[in-house]
C-alpha cells in the first residue's frame, strides 16, 4: 500500500486495522478456494476499472508511520505528565 497499490487481504487480524474496504483494497473471507477465486476476479476488475486511487492509498499508510507514532506518543506523555503535575500541586 505504501506504493499506492491496493491489496486483497483476508478479513482477519491486523488487516482489519490497515485495509479499508473499497479504498485501499478488498477483503475475502473464509478459506474456500472458489470464494477466493471469485474475489480475485472481482479485485482484478476493480483494478482495471480504476476503482482505487493510488494517492488515497498512500495516504492511508501514513497513519502508521513512525513519525506519526512518535508525535502522538510524545503528546500523550506530555498530556499525562501535565495532568499528574496538576493533581499533585
PDB file of N, CA and C in Angstrom:
ATOM      1  N   UNK A   1       0.815  -1.192   0.000  1.00  0.00           N
ATOM      2  CA  UNK A   1       0.000   0.000   0.000  1.00  0.00           C
ATOM      3  C   UNK A   1       0.861   1.258   0.000  1.00  0.00           C
ATOM      4  N   UNK A   2       2.054   1.176   0.529  1.00  0.00           N
ATOM      5  CA  UNK A   2       2.906   2.365   0.572  1.00  0.00           C
ATOM      6  C   UNK A   2       3.298   2.846  -0.821  1.00  0.00           C
ATOM      7  N   UNK A   3       3.118   1.991  -1.820  1.00  0.00           N
ATOM      8  CA  UNK A   3       3.395   2.374  -3.210  1.00  0.00           C
ATOM      9  C   UNK A   3       2.106   2.700  -3.964  1.00  0.00           C
ATOM     10  N   UNK A   4       1.008   2.826  -3.236  1.00  0.00           N
ATOM     11  CA  UNK A   4      -0.263   3.179  -3.851  1.00  0.00           C
ATOM     12  C   UNK A   4      -0.991   2.021  -4.492  1.00  0.00           C
ATOM     13  N   UNK A   5      -0.611   0.811  -4.162  1.00  0.00           N
ATOM     14  CA  UNK A   5      -1.235  -0.382  -4.740  1.00  0.00           C
ATOM     15  C   UNK A   5      -2.244  -0.968  -3.761  1.00  0.00           C
ATOM     16  N   UNK A   6      -3.437  -1.317  -4.241  1.00  0.00           N
ATOM     17  CA  UNK A   6      -4.436  -1.925  -3.367  1.00  0.00           C
ATOM     18  C   UNK A   6      -4.054  -3.363  -3.027  1.00  0.00           C
ATOM     19  N   UNK A   7      -4.638  -3.872  -1.961  1.00  0.00           N
ATOM     20  CA  UNK A   7      -4.363  -5.243  -1.543  1.00  0.00           C
ATOM     21  C   UNK A   7      -5.657  -6.045  -1.446  1.00  0.00           C
ATOM     22  N   UNK A   8      -5.509  -7.335  -1.634  1.00  0.00           N
ATOM     23  CA  UNK A   8      -6.593  -8.283  -1.389  1.00  0.00           C
ATOM     24  C   UNK A   8      -6.165  -9.061  -0.154  1.00  0.00           C
ATOM     25  N   UNK A   9      -6.909  -8.897   0.932  1.00  0.00           N
ATOM     26  CA  UNK A   9      -6.491  -9.470   2.213  1.00  0.00           C
ATOM     27  C   UNK A   9      -7.619 -10.270   2.847  1.00  0.00           C
ATOM     28  N   UNK A  10      -7.235 -11.229   3.661  1.00  0.00           N
ATOM     29  CA  UNK A  10      -8.218 -11.996   4.426  1.00  0.00           C
ATOM     30  C   UNK A  10      -8.806 -11.083   5.500  1.00  0.00           C
ATOM     31  N   UNK A  11     -10.103 -11.165   5.680  1.00  0.00           N
ATOM     32  CA  UNK A  11     -10.785 -10.314   6.666  1.00  0.00           C
ATOM     33  C   UNK A  11     -10.520 -10.860   8.079  1.00  0.00           C
ATOM     34  N   UNK A  12      -9.319 -10.567   8.570  1.00  0.00           N
ATOM     35  CA  UNK A  12      -8.933 -11.032   9.905  1.00  0.00           C
ATOM     36  C   UNK A  12      -7.714 -10.258  10.385  1.00  0.00           C
ATOM     37  N   UNK A  13      -7.453 -10.361  11.660  1.00  0.00           N
ATOM     38  CA  UNK A  13      -6.240  -9.817  12.249  1.00  0.00           C
ATOM     39  C   UNK A  13      -5.967  -8.360  11.938  1.00  0.00           C
ATOM     40  N   UNK A  14      -4.690  -8.068  11.755  1.00  0.00           N
ATOM     41  CA  UNK A  14      -4.238  -6.700  11.525  1.00  0.00           C
ATOM     42  C   UNK A  14      -4.752  -6.070  10.252  1.00  0.00           C
ATOM     43  N   UNK A  15      -5.162  -6.899   9.304  1.00  0.00           N
ATOM     44  CA  UNK A  15      -5.706  -6.347   8.056  1.00  0.00           C
ATOM     45  C   UNK A  15      -6.915  -5.460   8.323  1.00  0.00           C
ATOM     46  N   UNK A  16      -7.681  -5.808   9.346  1.00  0.00           N
ATOM     47  CA  UNK A  16      -8.886  -5.037   9.655  1.00  0.00           C
ATOM     48  C   UNK A  16      -8.552  -3.613  10.075  1.00  0.00           C
ATOM     49  N   UNK A  17      -7.348  -3.411  10.592  1.00  0.00           N
ATOM     50  CA  UNK A  17      -6.924  -2.077  11.009  1.00  0.00           C
ATOM     51  C   UNK A  17      -6.261  -1.302   9.881  1.00  0.00           C
ATOM     52  N   UNK A  18      -5.669  -2.011   8.932  1.00  0.00           N
ATOM     53  CA  UNK A  18      -4.860  -1.336   7.919  1.00  0.00           C
ATOM     54  C   UNK A  18      -5.520  -1.213   6.560  1.00  0.00           C
ATOM     55  N   UNK A  19      -6.442  -2.103   6.240  1.00  0.00           N
ATOM     56  CA  UNK A  19      -7.090  -2.078   4.927  1.00  0.00           C
ATOM     57  C   UNK A  19      -8.505  -1.548   5.080  1.00  0.00           C
ATOM     58  N   UNK A  20      -8.870  -0.596   4.231  1.00  0.00           N
ATOM     59  CA  UNK A  20     -10.235  -0.078   4.201  1.00  0.00           C
ATOM     60  C   UNK A  20     -10.903  -0.608   2.942  1.00  0.00           C
ATOM     61  N   UNK A  21     -11.967  -1.370   3.133  1.00  0.00           N
ATOM     62  CA  UNK A  21     -12.681  -1.994   2.015  1.00  0.00           C
ATOM     63  C   UNK A  21     -13.070  -0.957   0.971  1.00  0.00           C
ATOM     64  N   UNK A  22     -12.688  -1.207  -0.279  1.00  0.00           N
ATOM     65  CA  UNK A  22     -13.046  -0.325  -1.381  1.00  0.00           C
ATOM     66  C   UNK A  22     -12.185   0.918  -1.505  1.00  0.00           C
ATOM     67  N   UNK A  23     -11.306   1.157  -0.548  1.00  0.00           N
ATOM     68  CA  UNK A  23     -10.438   2.337  -0.586  1.00  0.00           C
ATOM     69  C   UNK A  23      -8.987   1.920  -0.806  1.00  0.00           C
ATOM     70  N   UNK A  24      -8.485   1.096   0.102  1.00  0.00           N
ATOM     71  CA  UNK A  24      -7.091   0.648  -0.028  1.00  0.00           C
ATOM     72  C   UNK A  24      -6.997  -0.822  -0.409  1.00  0.00           C
ATOM     73  N   UNK A  25      -8.142  -1.441  -0.609  1.00  0.00           N
ATOM     74  CA  UNK A  25      -8.135  -2.839  -1.014  1.00  0.00           C
ATOM     75  C   UNK A  25      -9.485  -3.486  -0.823  1.00  0.00           C
ATOM     76  N   UNK A  26      -9.462  -4.803  -0.851  1.00  0.00           N
ATOM     77  CA  UNK A  26     -10.678  -5.590  -0.682  1.00  0.00           C
ATOM     78  C   UNK A  26     -10.369  -6.772   0.228  1.00  0.00           C
ATOM     79  N   UNK A  27     -11.426  -7.295   0.837  1.00  0.00           N
ATOM     80  CA  UNK A  27     -11.294  -8.448   1.718  1.00  0.00           C
ATOM     81  C   UNK A  27     -11.933  -9.680   1.102  1.00  0.00           C
ATOM     82  N   UNK A  28     -11.405 -10.832   1.481  1.00  0.00           N
ATOM     83  CA  UNK A  28     -12.087 -12.090   1.228  1.00  0.00           C
ATOM     84  C   UNK A  28     -12.247 -12.765   2.580  1.00  0.00           C
ATOM     85  N   UNK A  29     -13.203 -13.683   2.660  1.00  0.00           N
ATOM     86  CA  UNK A  29     -13.473 -14.346   3.931  1.00  0.00           C
ATOM     87  C   UNK A  29     -13.328 -15.847   3.779  1.00  0.00           C
ATOM     88  N   UNK A  30     -13.190 -16.503   4.879  1.00  0.00           N
ATOM     89  CA  UNK A  30     -13.125 -17.958   4.878  1.00  0.00           C
ATOM     90  C   UNK A  30     -11.887 -18.501   4.193  1.00  0.00           C
ATOM     91  N   UNK A  31     -11.952 -19.797   3.928  1.00  0.00           N
ATOM     92  CA  UNK A  31     -10.822 -20.475   3.303  1.00  0.00           C
ATOM     93  C   UNK A  31     -11.253 -21.254   2.073  1.00  0.00           C
ATOM     94  N   UNK A  32     -12.417 -20.928   1.534  1.00  0.00           N
ATOM     95  CA  UNK A  32     -12.944 -21.622   0.368  1.00  0.00           C
ATOM     96  C   UNK A  32     -12.227 -21.145  -0.899  1.00  0.00           C
ATOM     97  N   UNK A  33     -11.667 -22.078  -1.645  1.00  0.00           N
ATOM     98  CA  UNK A  33     -10.897 -21.746  -2.843  1.00  0.00           C
ATOM     99  C   UNK A  33     -11.776 -21.067  -3.888  1.00  0.00           C
ATOM    100  N   UNK A  34     -12.992 -21.535  -4.063  1.00  0.00           N
ATOM    101  CA  UNK A  34     -13.901 -20.939  -5.062  1.00  0.00           C
ATOM    102  C   UNK A  34     -14.222 -19.493  -4.708  1.00  0.00           C
ATOM    103  N   UNK A  35     -14.487 -19.259  -3.427  1.00  0.00           N
ATOM    104  CA  UNK A  35     -14.778 -17.892  -2.983  1.00  0.00           C
ATOM    105  C   UNK A  35     -13.574 -16.989  -3.239  1.00  0.00           C
ATOM    106  N   UNK A  36     -12.391 -17.484  -2.947  1.00  0.00           N
ATOM    107  CA  UNK A  36     -11.174 -16.706  -3.181  1.00  0.00           C
ATOM    108  C   UNK A  36     -10.993 -16.431  -4.670  1.00  0.00           C
ATOM    109  N   UNK A  37     -11.249 -17.427  -5.495  1.00  0.00           N
ATOM    110  CA  UNK A  37     -11.133 -17.247  -6.944  1.00  0.00           C
ATOM    111  C   UNK A  37     -12.077 -16.148  -7.435  1.00  0.00           C
ATOM    112  N   UNK A  38     -13.313 -16.161  -6.954  1.00  0.00           N
ATOM    113  CA  UNK A  38     -14.282 -15.128  -7.336  1.00  0.00           C
ATOM    114  C   UNK A  38     -13.830 -13.752  -6.859  1.00  0.00           C
ATOM    115  N   UNK A  39     -13.294 -13.698  -5.659  1.00  0.00           N
ATOM    116  CA  UNK A  39     -12.850 -12.416  -5.107  1.00  0.00           C
ATOM    117  C   UNK A  39     -11.644 -11.883  -5.872  1.00  0.00           C
ATOM    118  N   UNK A  40     -10.744 -12.767  -6.296  1.00  0.00           N
ATOM    119  CA  UNK A  40      -9.593 -12.337  -7.093  1.00  0.00           C
ATOM    120  C   UNK A  40     -10.067 -11.728  -8.404  1.00  0.00           C
ATOM    121  N   UNK A  41     -11.047 -12.352  -9.034  1.00  0.00           N
ATOM    122  CA  UNK A  41     -11.588 -11.815 -10.295  1.00  0.00           C
ATOM    123  C   UNK A  41     -12.249 -10.460 -10.062  1.00  0.00           C
ATOM    124  N   UNK A  42     -13.000 -10.337  -8.970  1.00  0.00           N
ATOM    125  CA  UNK A  42     -13.637  -9.058  -8.627  1.00  0.00           C
ATOM    126  C   UNK A  42     -12.576  -7.986  -8.366  1.00  0.00           C
ATOM    127  N   UNK A  43     -11.520  -8.366  -7.674  1.00  0.00           N
ATOM    128  CA  UNK A  43     -10.412  -7.459  -7.369  1.00  0.00           C
ATOM    129  C   UNK A  43      -9.732  -6.995  -8.658  1.00  0.00           C
ATOM    130  N   UNK A  44      -9.478  -7.924  -9.563  1.00  0.00           N
ATOM    131  CA  UNK A  44      -8.851  -7.576 -10.846  1.00  0.00           C
ATOM    132  C   UNK A  44      -9.726  -6.612 -11.645  1.00  0.00           C
ATOM    133  N   UNK A  45     -11.047  -6.849 -11.650  1.00  0.00           N
ATOM    134  CA  UNK A  45     -11.967  -5.934 -12.357  1.00  0.00           C
ATOM    135  C   UNK A  45     -11.929  -4.540 -11.735  1.00  0.00           C
ATOM    136  N   UNK A  46     -11.906  -4.496 -10.418  1.00  0.00           N
ATOM    137  CA  UNK A  46     -11.857  -3.203  -9.728  1.00  0.00           C
ATOM    138  C   UNK A  46     -10.586  -2.444 -10.104  1.00  0.00           C
ATOM    139  N   UNK A  47      -9.469  -3.144 -10.185  1.00  0.00           N
ATOM    140  CA  UNK A  47      -8.210  -2.506 -10.579  1.00  0.00           C
ATOM    141  C   UNK A  47      -8.293  -2.020 -12.023  1.00  0.00           C
ATOM    142  N   UNK A  48      -8.800  -2.855 -12.918  1.00  0.00           N
ATOM    143  CA  UNK A  48      -8.923  -2.482 -14.331  1.00  0.00           C
ATOM    144  C   UNK A  48      -9.845  -1.283 -14.524  1.00  0.00           C
ATOM    145  N   UNK A  49     -10.849  -1.167 -13.666  1.00  0.00           N
ATOM    146  CA  UNK A  49     -11.805  -0.058 -13.760  1.00  0.00           C
ATOM    147  C   UNK A  49     -11.377   1.148 -12.925  1.00  0.00           C
ATOM    148  N   UNK A  50     -10.122   1.148 -12.476  1.00  0.00           N
ATOM    149  CA  UNK A  50      -9.555   2.273 -11.707  1.00  0.00           C
ATOM    150  C   UNK A  50     -10.386   2.642 -10.483  1.00  0.00           C
ATOM    151  N   UNK A  51     -10.836   1.641  -9.754  1.00  0.00           N
ATOM    152  CA  UNK A  51     -11.642   1.881  -8.551  1.00  0.00           C
ATOM    153  C   UNK A  51     -10.801   2.326  -7.356  1.00  0.00           C
ATOM    154  N   UNK A  52      -9.473   2.174  -7.468  1.00  0.00           N
ATOM    155  CA  UNK A  52      -8.598   2.530  -6.357  1.00  0.00           C
ATOM    156  C   UNK A  52      -7.730   3.716  -6.748  1.00  0.00           C
ATOM    157  N   UNK A  53      -7.645   4.696  -5.863  1.00  0.00           N
ATOM    158  CA  UNK A  53      -6.836   5.889  -6.099  1.00  0.00           C
ATOM    159  C   UNK A  53      -5.486   5.720  -5.394  1.00  0.00           C
ATOM    160  N   UNK A  54      -4.395   5.644  -6.164  1.00  0.00           N
ATOM    161  CA  UNK A  54      -3.076   5.428  -5.556  1.00  0.00           C
ATOM    162  C   UNK A  54      -2.704   6.463  -4.492  1.00  0.00           C
ATOM    163  N   UNK A  55      -3.066   7.722  -4.710  1.00  0.00           N
ATOM    164  CA  UNK A  55      -2.716   8.765  -3.732  1.00  0.00           C
ATOM    165  C   UNK A  55      -3.476   8.572  -2.419  1.00  0.00           C
ATOM    166  N   UNK A  56      -4.724   8.178  -2.518  1.00  0.00           N
ATOM    167  CA  UNK A  56      -5.510   7.920  -1.303  1.00  0.00           C
ATOM    168  C   UNK A  56      -4.942   6.714  -0.564  1.00  0.00           C
ATOM    169  N   UNK A  57      -4.564   5.691  -1.315  1.00  0.00           N
ATOM    170  CA  UNK A  57      -3.978   4.500  -0.688  1.00  0.00           C
ATOM    171  C   UNK A  57      -2.695   4.874   0.042  1.00  0.00           C
ATOM    172  N   UNK A  58      -1.838   5.649  -0.590  1.00  0.00           N
ATOM    173  CA  UNK A  58      -0.595   6.084   0.063  1.00  0.00           C
ATOM    174  C   UNK A  58      -0.904   6.866   1.340  1.00  0.00           C
ATOM    175  N   UNK A  59      -1.950   7.692   1.292  1.00  0.00           N
ATOM    176  CA  UNK A  59      -2.329   8.486   2.458  1.00  0.00           C
ATOM    177  C   UNK A  59      -2.798   7.634   3.624  1.00  0.00           C
ATOM    178  N   UNK A  60      -3.455   6.517   3.323  1.00  0.00           N
ATOM    179  CA  UNK A  60      -3.918   5.656   4.414  1.00  0.00           C
ATOM    180  C   UNK A  60      -2.753   5.020   5.152  1.00  0.00           C
ATOM    181  N   UNK A  61      -1.666   4.803   4.450  1.00  0.00           N
ATOM    182  CA  UNK A  61      -0.479   4.201   5.063  1.00  0.00           C
ATOM    183  C   UNK A  61       0.195   5.179   6.020  1.00  0.00           C
ATOM    184  N   UNK A  62       0.074   6.465   5.744  1.00  0.00           N
ATOM    185  CA  UNK A  62       0.717   7.485   6.586  1.00  0.00           C
ATOM    186  C   UNK A  62       0.238   7.408   8.037  1.00  0.00           C
ATOM    187  N   UNK A  63      -0.964   6.873   8.253  1.00  0.00           N
ATOM    188  CA  UNK A  63      -1.471   6.726   9.625  1.00  0.00           C
ATOM    189  C   UNK A  63      -0.576   5.838  10.476  1.00  0.00           C
ATOM    190  N   UNK A  64       0.232   5.007   9.817  1.00  0.00           N
ATOM    191  CA  UNK A  64       1.044   4.038  10.540  1.00  0.00           C
ATOM    192  C   UNK A  64       2.535   4.363  10.495  1.00  0.00           C
ATOM    193  N   UNK A  65       2.850   5.612  10.177  1.00  0.00           N
ATOM    194  CA  UNK A  65       4.261   5.988  10.062  1.00  0.00           C
ATOM    195  C   UNK A  65       4.917   6.094  11.439  1.00  0.00           C
ATOM    196  N   UNK A  66       6.212   5.900  11.450  1.00  0.00           N
ATOM    197  CA  UNK A  66       6.989   6.017  12.681  1.00  0.00           C
ATOM    198  C   UNK A  66       6.888   7.431  13.240  1.00  0.00           C
ATOM    199  N   UNK A  67       6.966   8.433  12.362  1.00  0.00           N
ATOM    200  CA  UNK A  67       6.912   9.836  12.785  1.00  0.00           C
ATOM    201  C   UNK A  67       5.580  10.142  13.475  1.00  0.00           C
ATOM    202  N   UNK A  68       4.486   9.684  12.893  1.00  0.00           N
ATOM    203  CA  UNK A  68       3.172   9.922  13.491  1.00  0.00           C
ATOM    204  C   UNK A  68       3.082   9.257  14.862  1.00  0.00           C
ATOM    205  N   UNK A  69       3.553   8.030  14.951  1.00  0.00           N
ATOM    206  CA  UNK A  69       3.540   7.323  16.230  1.00  0.00           C
ATOM    207  C   UNK A  69       4.325   8.096  17.284  1.00  0.00           C
ATOM    208  N   UNK A  70       5.523   8.555  16.911  1.00  0.00           N
ATOM    209  CA  UNK A  70       6.361   9.301  17.854  1.00  0.00           C
ATOM    210  C   UNK A  70       5.669  10.582  18.307  1.00  0.00           C
ATOM    211  N   UNK A  71       5.080  11.314  17.375  1.00  0.00           N
ATOM    212  CA  UNK A  71       4.393  12.562  17.724  1.00  0.00           C
ATOM    213  C   UNK A  71       3.206  12.311  18.645  1.00  0.00           C
ATOM    214  N   UNK A  72       2.415  11.289  18.336  1.00  0.00           N
ATOM    215  CA  UNK A  72       1.250  11.001  19.168  1.00  0.00           C
ATOM    216  C   UNK A  72       1.663  10.500  20.550  1.00  0.00           C
ATOM    217  N   UNK A  73       2.707   9.702  20.594  1.00  0.00           N
ATOM    218  CA  UNK A  73       3.190   9.205  21.887  1.00  0.00           C
ATOM    219  C   UNK A  73       3.724  10.361  22.727  1.00  0.00           C
ATOM    220  N   UNK A  74       4.486  11.254  22.109  1.00  0.00           N
ATOM    221  CA  UNK A  74       5.027  12.418  22.821  1.00  0.00           C
ATOM    222  C   UNK A  74       3.882  13.269  23.378  1.00  0.00           C
ATOM    223  N   UNK A  75       2.877  13.535  22.557  1.00  0.00           N
ATOM    224  CA  UNK A  75       1.734  14.343  23.003  1.00  0.00           C
ATOM    225  C   UNK A  75       1.001  13.672  24.157  1.00  0.00           C
ATOM    226  N   UNK A  76       0.805  12.373  24.052  1.00  0.00           N
ATOM    227  CA  UNK A  76       0.119  11.629  25.103  1.00  0.00           C
ATOM    228  C   UNK A  76       0.886  11.709  26.420  1.00  0.00           C
ATOM    229  N   UNK A  77       2.194  11.478  26.358  1.00  0.00           N
ATOM    230  CA  UNK A  77       3.025  11.514  27.574  1.00  0.00           C
ATOM    231  C   UNK A  77       3.030  12.909  28.186  1.00  0.00           C
ATOM    232  N   UNK A  78       3.165  13.938  27.352  1.00  0.00           N
ATOM    233  CA  UNK A  78       3.152  15.313  27.863  1.00  0.00           C
ATOM    234  C   UNK A  78       1.820  15.637  28.526  1.00  0.00           C
ATOM    235  N   UNK A  79       0.729  15.217  27.897  1.00  0.00           N
ATOM    236  CA  UNK A  79      -0.598  15.468  28.457  1.00  0.00           C
ATOM    237  C   UNK A  79      -0.754  14.776  29.812  1.00  0.00           C
ATOM    238  N   UNK A  80      -0.364  13.517  29.896  1.00  0.00           N
ATOM    239  CA  UNK A  80      -0.491  12.779  31.159  1.00  0.00           C
ATOM    240  C   UNK A  80       0.441  13.338  32.233  1.00  0.00           C
ATOM    241  N   UNK A  81       1.619  13.781  31.824  1.00  0.00           N
ATOM    242  CA  UNK A  81       2.562  14.375  32.783  1.00  0.00           C
ATOM    243  C   UNK A  81       1.974  15.659  33.366  1.00  0.00           C
ATOM    244  N   UNK A  82       1.365  16.479  32.514  1.00  0.00           N
ATOM    245  CA  UNK A  82       0.758  17.727  32.993  1.00  0.00           C
ATOM    246  C   UNK A  82      -0.411  17.423  33.933  1.00  0.00           C
ATOM    247  N   UNK A  83      -1.222  16.429  33.612  1.00  0.00           N
ATOM    248  CA  UNK A  83      -2.323  16.035  34.489  1.00  0.00           C
ATOM    249  C   UNK A  83      -1.782  15.574  35.843  1.00  0.00           C
ATOM    250  N   UNK A  84      -0.726  14.814  35.808  1.00  0.00           N
ATOM    251  CA  UNK A  84      -0.101  14.317  37.040  1.00  0.00           C
ATOM    252  C   UNK A  84       0.416  15.478  37.892  1.00  0.00           C
ATOM    253  N   UNK A  85       1.081  16.421  37.255  1.00  0.00           N
ATOM    254  CA  UNK A  85       1.638  17.565  37.989  1.00  0.00           C
ATOM    255  C   UNK A  85       0.526  18.405  38.608  1.00  0.00           C
ATOM    256  N   UNK A  86      -0.567  18.611  37.866  1.00  0.00           N
ATOM    257  CA  UNK A  86      -1.676  19.410  38.401  1.00  0.00           C
ATOM    258  C   UNK A  86      -2.337  18.708  39.586  1.00  0.00           C
ATOM    259  N   UNK A  87      -2.463  17.398  39.506  1.00  0.00           N
ATOM    260  CA  UNK A  87      -3.131  16.670  40.590  1.00  0.00           C
ATOM    261  C   UNK A  87      -2.268  16.583  41.849  1.00  0.00           C
ATOM    262  N   UNK A  88      -0.974  16.797  41.707  1.00  0.00           N
ATOM    263  CA  UNK A  88      -0.065  16.756  42.859  1.00  0.00           C
ATOM    264  C   UNK A  88       0.376  18.140  43.310  1.00  0.00           C
ATOM    265  N   UNK A  89      -0.241  19.171  42.773  1.00  0.00           N
ATOM    266  CA  UNK A  89       0.162  20.547  43.119  1.00  0.00           C
ATOM    267  C   UNK A  89      -0.507  21.009  44.390  1.00  0.00           C
TER     268      UNK A  89
END
